[in-house]
Structure formats: structure tokens, C-alpha cells
């Protein structure tokens, strides 16, 4: 059994058509058919049921397809590991993060990281499906909330405990208070992210526990617009405390929320069965160190 034969077999399974698979592989249909016959002869069972011009996988074919995918993943792992040994500081890194987290976690970090490793190509994309995309193998790393029931193949590294606070314009009556009860939010005009945003989902959950609803003066998809609306006095918003403490906006005051204080656990995730090169390992260490510096800076500013 050869890897090439498995690749031919997988190509046919993708198209469920010999001639189209042959075109995709840049080979002849006769050669493709011959390789599948060799494979079936070696296994001693047919892989496809041929019904007229249509084909369907047999039970043996389904088993082979499932196991072939595992083999291809290991081959990719080997190639990635060897390539990493060759270039060490080079390579690519694809990272998925939750919408809005770039402003807190990545802007300053990415600049410093690029200066330290200019040969490394990094792609950072905001998505509400960080966990699903890392699990599917579409991202090398993900920074997201702690998953409730993670897949056995997923590595999870706790990053930090994130608390949320109320952001109001500095001349707002609430700005004179150090803390307010969460249920008092129903008396305020709020500006928020859309319904699919992780922060919105978290706040909605807190509201449901209290049996209350917020008054939405405005809904936006961008953090910059949200901050601008608070500065202009359109409404208040709820954002990560670390973000608010590091914004440096004199016109915005962060007020602690009590009973409950909205919070979530942020972690780094990656697939353990997918090769994580030196670039990924270095980035994880850099992100952990950066978050620690941000937290220490926020604690110093609070006295």
C-alpha cells in the first residue's frame, strides 16, 4: 500500500467520480482505475460499489477513507516538523481570536513580535468560531473563552481571568461611584456589540439570571465606534477591565459591576495532533509574558 494510492483513493472519494478525480490529479482515468484495483487486490475487498455510472463507498472503503485522513494528518505533521527544523525562525502562523480582542491582546504584541522575528509570517483573524476553526485545522492557534467540553485532541492553556466593567463618560453620575450593582444597568442607556459577539452573550446571560433587560441606545460591530459613543455620552457600555485600564482615555471611567461581576476565563488552544512549530511555541510564550505585563501595569495604575 503506497501513499500515492491512498491519495488517489481520497481524490475519488471527494468527487465520487473517476474521470473528475483523474483530472484533478493530472493523471489518466485508466491509471487511476489501475491503482485502485491494485489497492483493492492488496486489501482483498472492493472499495467502491459500481452501479452504472455511479459509485458508492463500501464498508471497507469507508474504513479506509477514515484511516487515510489520519495518515494524511501525520504526514503533514512530519513535513511541518522537518520544515521547522530547517528554517527555525521562518514559517507561518495562523491565529484566531474573538472579535475585539485584538485591541487588548495583539496590537502592541504583534509589533514587538514582528521586530523580534521578522521572517515569521503571522495572520490574525477575528472570528466568533475560534474553537471550531482550530478544531477543524483551519487555525494553528486560538485565543478564546474556556471551552466547556473540549475535544480530546485540543490542548488548552489558561491565559488569564477576564473581568468586565462598566464604561461611562467621566462626567456621568455613575463615574463618581467605585462600583454599582449589575441590576442598576437597566436604568442606563447602553451601547453594545451585536448579538453574536462574545461580550453580548456573556452580558445577556447575566441579565437572564437577574430577570432583566438592558435598553440599547445603539448597537455596533466595532470597538472604536463603541468607545466613541461612550465618549460622546450616547450611552454606557460593558468592556474588559484590562482593556479599559489600558485605553488611556481621560473621558472614560471604568466602574466595577457587582452581583454579578461579569467574567470569563481566556485560554490558548491548539490541536495536539497537528504539528505546532517553533513559531507557535514562541508566540505562546510571548503572549503569556505580554498578558502578565499588561496585568501588572493595570494593577500599578490602580494603586
Protein backbone atom coordinates (compact mmCIF):
# COMPACT_ATOMS: atom_id res chain seq x y z
CA UNK A 1 0.00 0.00 0.00
CA UNK A 2 1.50 3.31 -1.11
CA UNK A 3 0.75 6.84 0.00
CA UNK A 4 0.11 7.78 -3.63
CA UNK A 5 -2.59 5.12 -3.87
CA UNK A 6 -4.27 6.49 -0.76
CA UNK A 7 -4.16 10.00 -2.25
CA UNK A 8 -5.78 8.66 -5.43
CA UNK A 9 -8.42 6.90 -3.36
CA UNK A 10 -9.17 10.06 -1.31
CA UNK A 11 -9.45 12.13 -4.51
CA UNK A 12 -12.08 9.74 -5.87
CA UNK A 13 -13.98 9.87 -2.58
CA UNK A 14 -14.03 13.67 -2.77
CA UNK A 15 -15.52 13.71 -6.28
CA UNK A 16 -17.26 10.32 -6.29
CA UNK A 17 -16.30 10.28 -9.95
CA UNK A 18 -13.23 8.65 -11.53
CA UNK A 19 -12.79 10.99 -14.52
CA UNK A 20 -13.10 14.21 -12.46
CA UNK A 21 -10.69 12.82 -9.85
CA UNK A 22 -8.22 11.94 -12.64
CA UNK A 23 -8.40 15.50 -13.97
CA UNK A 24 -7.74 16.94 -10.51
CA UNK A 25 -4.75 14.63 -10.08
CA UNK A 26 -3.41 15.35 -13.60
CA UNK A 27 -3.35 11.66 -14.47
CA UNK A 28 -5.32 9.37 -16.77
CA UNK A 29 -8.52 7.63 -15.75
CA UNK A 30 -7.02 4.29 -16.74
CA UNK A 31 -4.02 4.81 -14.44
CA UNK A 32 -6.31 5.89 -11.61
CA UNK A 33 -8.53 2.83 -12.06
CA UNK A 34 -5.49 0.56 -12.17
CA UNK A 35 -4.10 1.94 -8.89
CA UNK A 36 -7.45 1.42 -7.16
CA UNK A 37 -7.56 -2.17 -8.47
CA UNK A 38 -4.06 -2.76 -7.02
CA UNK A 39 -5.27 -1.34 -3.71
CA UNK A 40 -8.42 -3.49 -3.69
CA UNK A 41 -6.38 -6.58 -4.56
CA UNK A 42 -3.97 -5.94 -1.70
CA UNK A 43 -6.83 -5.41 0.77
CA UNK A 44 -8.81 -8.33 -0.59
CA UNK A 45 -12.07 -6.35 -0.68
CA UNK A 46 -13.72 -3.87 -3.05
CA UNK A 47 -13.61 -0.21 -2.03
CA UNK A 48 -16.39 1.01 -4.31
CA UNK A 49 -19.74 -0.34 -5.40
CA UNK A 50 -20.09 0.42 -9.08
CA UNK A 51 -23.73 0.93 -10.09
CA UNK A 52 -23.90 2.00 -13.72
CA UNK A 53 -22.04 5.32 -13.99
CA UNK A 54 -22.32 6.00 -10.27
CA UNK A 55 -20.09 4.75 -7.46
CA UNK A 56 -20.55 4.43 -3.70
CA UNK A 57 -18.18 3.53 -0.89
CA UNK A 58 -18.32 0.01 0.51
CA UNK A 59 -17.86 -0.63 4.23
CA UNK A 60 -14.19 -1.34 3.54
CA UNK A 61 -13.98 1.92 1.60
CA UNK A 62 -15.43 3.93 4.49
CA UNK A 63 -12.90 2.40 6.89
CA UNK A 64 -10.02 3.15 4.52
CA UNK A 65 -11.16 6.76 4.00
CA UNK A 66 -11.38 7.40 7.73
CA UNK A 67 -7.94 5.95 8.40
CA UNK A 68 -6.43 7.66 5.35
CA UNK A 69 -7.36 11.05 6.80
CA UNK A 70 -5.40 10.19 9.94
CA UNK A 71 -2.43 9.14 7.82
CA UNK A 72 -2.52 12.41 5.85
CA UNK A 73 -2.57 14.38 9.12
CA UNK A 74 0.53 12.55 10.36
CA UNK A 75 2.30 13.15 7.04
CA UNK A 76 1.52 16.87 7.37
CA UNK A 77 2.85 16.74 10.93
CA UNK A 78 6.11 15.16 9.75
CA UNK A 79 6.55 17.65 6.92
CA UNK A 80 5.88 20.56 9.26
CA UNK A 81 8.35 19.30 11.85
CA UNK A 82 11.12 18.74 9.30
CA UNK A 83 10.48 22.12 7.68
CA UNK A 84 10.62 23.75 11.08
CA UNK A 85 13.99 22.18 11.78
CA UNK A 86 15.31 23.61 8.53
CA UNK A 87 14.27 27.22 8.94
CA UNK A 88 13.55 27.54 12.69
CA UNK A 89 12.68 31.26 12.67
CA UNK A 90 10.69 31.25 9.46
CA UNK A 91 7.29 29.83 8.64
CA UNK A 92 3.70 30.91 9.01
CA UNK A 93 1.33 31.15 11.94
CA UNK A 94 -2.44 31.48 11.62
CA UNK A 95 -4.21 32.66 14.80
CA UNK A 96 -7.93 33.03 15.51
CA UNK A 97 -9.16 35.46 18.16
CA UNK A 98 -12.53 36.69 19.40
CA UNK A 99 -13.83 39.97 17.90
CA UNK A 100 -12.41 42.96 19.74
CA UNK A 101 -9.62 41.06 21.48
CA UNK A 102 -7.04 42.38 19.04
CA UNK A 103 -7.24 45.79 20.69
CA UNK A 104 -6.27 44.30 24.06
CA UNK A 105 -4.14 41.29 23.22
CA UNK A 106 -2.42 41.79 19.91
CA UNK A 107 -1.76 45.30 18.62
CA UNK A 108 1.32 46.06 20.72
CA UNK A 109 2.35 42.41 20.99
CA UNK A 110 2.36 41.83 17.23
CA UNK A 111 4.57 44.85 16.64
CA UNK A 112 7.17 43.67 19.17
CA UNK A 113 6.93 40.08 17.92
CA UNK A 114 7.47 41.11 14.30
CA UNK A 115 10.55 43.11 15.26
CA UNK A 116 11.97 40.09 17.08
CA UNK A 117 11.08 37.56 14.35
CA UNK A 118 10.82 39.45 11.04
CA UNK A 119 10.98 36.23 8.98
CA UNK A 120 7.82 34.88 10.54
CA UNK A 121 4.54 35.49 8.72
CA UNK A 122 1.59 35.91 11.11
CA UNK A 123 -2.10 36.04 10.24
CA UNK A 124 -4.53 37.11 12.99
CA UNK A 125 -8.24 36.88 12.22
CA UNK A 126 -11.21 37.82 14.38
CA UNK A 127 -13.96 35.19 14.43
CA UNK A 128 -16.79 34.14 16.71
CA UNK A 129 -15.90 30.49 15.98
CA UNK A 130 -12.33 30.32 17.28
CA UNK A 131 -12.72 26.88 18.88
CA UNK A 132 -14.44 25.34 15.85
CA UNK A 133 -11.85 26.70 13.41
CA UNK A 134 -8.89 25.44 15.44
CA UNK A 135 -10.56 22.05 15.84
CA UNK A 136 -11.16 21.89 12.08
CA UNK A 137 -7.46 22.56 11.48
CA UNK A 138 -8.06 25.95 9.83
CA UNK A 139 -6.07 27.83 12.50
CA UNK A 140 -2.79 26.94 14.18
CA UNK A 141 -3.70 28.67 17.45
CA UNK A 142 -6.76 30.21 19.02
CA UNK A 143 -7.29 32.66 21.87
CA UNK A 144 -10.80 32.26 23.19
CA UNK A 145 -13.00 31.54 26.20
CA UNK A 146 -12.53 28.29 28.07
CA UNK A 147 -14.49 25.54 26.26
CA UNK A 148 -16.94 23.57 28.40
CA UNK A 149 -16.40 20.13 26.85
CA UNK A 150 -13.20 20.26 24.79
CA UNK A 151 -12.25 17.62 22.26
CA UNK A 152 -9.57 15.18 23.44
CA UNK A 153 -7.30 16.44 20.65
CA UNK A 154 -7.36 20.00 21.93
CA UNK A 155 -4.63 21.43 24.15
CA UNK A 156 -5.85 24.19 26.48
CA UNK A 157 -3.51 26.66 28.17
CA UNK A 158 -5.18 29.04 30.68
CA UNK A 159 -4.17 32.63 29.90
CA UNK A 160 -5.99 34.94 32.34
CA UNK A 161 -9.23 35.62 34.21
CA UNK A 162 -11.04 38.44 32.45
CA UNK A 163 -13.44 40.66 34.38
CA UNK A 164 -15.76 43.22 32.81
CA UNK A 165 -16.60 46.71 34.00
CA UNK A 166 -18.99 49.49 33.06
CA UNK A 167 -17.50 52.21 30.87
CA UNK A 168 -19.14 55.64 31.22
CA UNK A 169 -18.22 59.16 30.26
CA UNK A 170 -16.27 60.79 33.05
CA UNK A 171 -18.99 63.37 33.75
CA UNK A 172 -21.69 60.69 34.05
CA UNK A 173 -23.21 60.40 37.57
CA UNK A 174 -22.11 56.73 37.75
CA UNK A 175 -18.49 57.79 37.20
CA UNK A 176 -18.38 59.13 40.77
CA UNK A 177 -19.02 55.63 42.12
CA UNK A 178 -16.40 52.93 42.53
CA UNK A 179 -18.96 50.17 41.99
CA UNK A 180 -22.64 49.68 41.18
CA UNK A 181 -24.98 46.66 41.33
CA UNK A 182 -25.39 44.94 37.99
CA UNK A 183 -29.17 45.32 38.05
CA UNK A 184 -28.75 49.11 38.06
CA UNK A 185 -27.73 48.83 34.39
CA UNK A 186 -31.41 48.60 33.41
CA UNK A 187 -31.69 52.31 34.28
CA UNK A 188 -28.93 53.30 31.82
CA UNK A 189 -28.78 53.80 28.06
CA UNK A 190 -26.36 51.16 26.76
CA UNK A 191 -24.27 50.91 23.61
CA UNK A 192 -23.36 47.33 22.77
CA UNK A 193 -21.88 44.94 20.26
CA UNK A 194 -24.18 42.83 18.09
CA UNK A 195 -25.96 39.69 19.36
CA UNK A 196 -23.27 37.27 18.11
CA UNK A 197 -20.41 38.96 19.97
CA UNK A 198 -18.99 37.02 22.92
CA UNK A 199 -19.33 40.01 25.27
CA UNK A 200 -23.00 40.41 24.33
CA UNK A 201 -23.64 36.72 25.00
CA UNK A 202 -21.97 36.98 28.41
CA UNK A 203 -23.97 40.08 29.41
CA UNK A 204 -27.19 38.53 28.13
CA UNK A 205 -26.55 35.53 30.38
CA UNK A 206 -26.07 37.81 33.40
CA UNK A 207 -29.29 39.67 32.54
CA UNK A 208 -31.23 36.42 32.30
CA UNK A 209 -30.03 35.43 35.78
CA UNK A 210 -31.36 38.75 37.09
CA UNK A 211 -34.58 38.58 35.04
CA UNK A 212 -33.85 41.96 33.43
CA UNK A 213 -33.27 43.56 30.05
CA UNK A 214 -30.97 46.39 29.01
CA UNK A 215 -32.01 49.42 27.00
CA UNK A 216 -29.90 49.50 23.83
CA UNK A 217 -29.34 53.06 22.65
CA UNK A 218 -27.07 51.82 19.87
CA UNK A 219 -25.61 48.55 18.56
CA UNK A 220 -22.30 48.46 16.67
CA UNK A 221 -19.82 45.91 15.37
CA UNK A 222 -16.61 47.81 16.12
CA UNK A 223 -14.84 48.67 19.35
CA UNK A 224 -13.75 52.10 18.09
CA UNK A 225 -17.37 53.10 17.47
CA UNK A 226 -18.37 51.79 20.90
CA UNK A 227 -15.67 53.85 22.61
CA UNK A 228 -16.64 56.93 20.59
CA UNK A 229 -20.30 56.56 21.60
CA UNK A 230 -19.31 56.44 25.30
CA UNK A 231 -17.06 59.49 24.93
CA UNK A 232 -19.90 61.42 23.28
CA UNK A 233 -22.30 60.49 26.07
CA UNK A 234 -24.63 58.41 23.87
CA UNK A 235 -24.58 55.61 26.42
CA UNK A 236 -22.53 53.35 28.67
CA UNK A 237 -21.01 50.04 27.66
CA UNK A 238 -19.51 46.91 29.25
CA UNK A 239 -15.94 46.03 28.28
CA UNK A 240 -12.99 44.04 29.68
CA UNK A 241 -11.48 45.80 32.68
CA UNK A 242 -7.94 45.29 31.33
CA UNK A 243 -8.89 46.97 28.08
CA UNK A 244 -10.44 49.96 29.85
CA UNK A 245 -7.47 50.32 32.20
CA UNK A 246 -5.07 50.36 29.25
CA UNK A 247 -7.04 52.61 26.88
CA UNK A 248 -5.75 55.79 28.48
CA UNK A 249 -8.93 57.74 27.62
CA UNK A 250 -9.44 60.61 30.08
CA UNK A 251 -13.09 60.98 29.09
CA UNK A 252 -13.93 57.37 30.05
CA UNK A 253 -14.20 55.99 33.59
CA UNK A 254 -14.41 52.29 34.46
CA UNK A 255 -16.90 51.36 37.19
CA UNK A 256 -16.90 47.95 38.85
CA UNK A 257 -20.05 45.85 38.47
CA UNK A 258 -21.26 43.79 41.42
CA UNK A 259 -23.66 40.88 41.92
CA UNK A 260 -22.60 39.61 39.48
CA UNK A 261 -19.27 40.85 38.18
CA UNK A 262 -19.30 39.52 34.58
CA UNK A 263 -16.19 37.48 33.91
CA UNK A 264 -14.77 34.69 31.77
CA UNK A 265 -11.65 32.57 31.51
CA UNK A 266 -9.45 33.23 28.47
CA UNK A 267 -7.19 30.47 27.16
CA UNK A 268 -4.93 29.49 24.28
CA UNK A 269 -5.95 26.42 22.28
CA UNK A 270 -4.32 24.26 19.61
CA UNK A 271 -4.59 20.74 18.24
CA UNK A 272 -2.20 18.29 19.91
CA UNK A 273 -2.24 16.01 16.86
CA UNK A 274 -1.29 18.84 14.49
CA UNK A 275 2.35 19.91 14.47
CA UNK A 276 2.87 23.16 16.36
CA UNK A 277 6.20 24.53 15.20
CA UNK A 278 8.72 26.69 16.96
CA UNK A 279 6.89 29.80 15.77
CA UNK A 280 3.74 28.71 17.59
CA UNK A 281 5.58 27.80 20.78
CA UNK A 282 7.47 31.10 20.83
CA UNK A 283 4.27 33.05 20.24
CA UNK A 284 2.50 31.32 23.13
CA UNK A 285 5.36 32.24 25.46
CA UNK A 286 5.36 35.84 24.16
CA UNK A 287 1.59 36.16 24.63
CA UNK A 288 1.74 34.81 28.18
CA UNK A 289 4.53 37.24 29.08
CA UNK A 290 2.71 40.15 27.42
CA UNK A 291 -0.55 39.49 29.28
CA UNK A 292 1.35 39.31 32.55
CA UNK A 293 2.92 42.72 31.84
CA UNK A 294 -0.49 44.21 31.00
CA UNK A 295 -1.99 42.86 34.23
CA UNK A 296 0.92 44.16 36.33
CA UNK A 297 0.69 47.57 34.66
CA UNK A 298 -3.05 47.74 35.34
CA UNK A 299 -2.51 46.79 39.00
CA UNK A 300 0.12 49.52 39.42
CA UNK A 301 -2.17 52.15 37.88
CA UNK A 302 -4.93 51.16 40.31
CA UNK A 303 -2.61 51.81 43.20
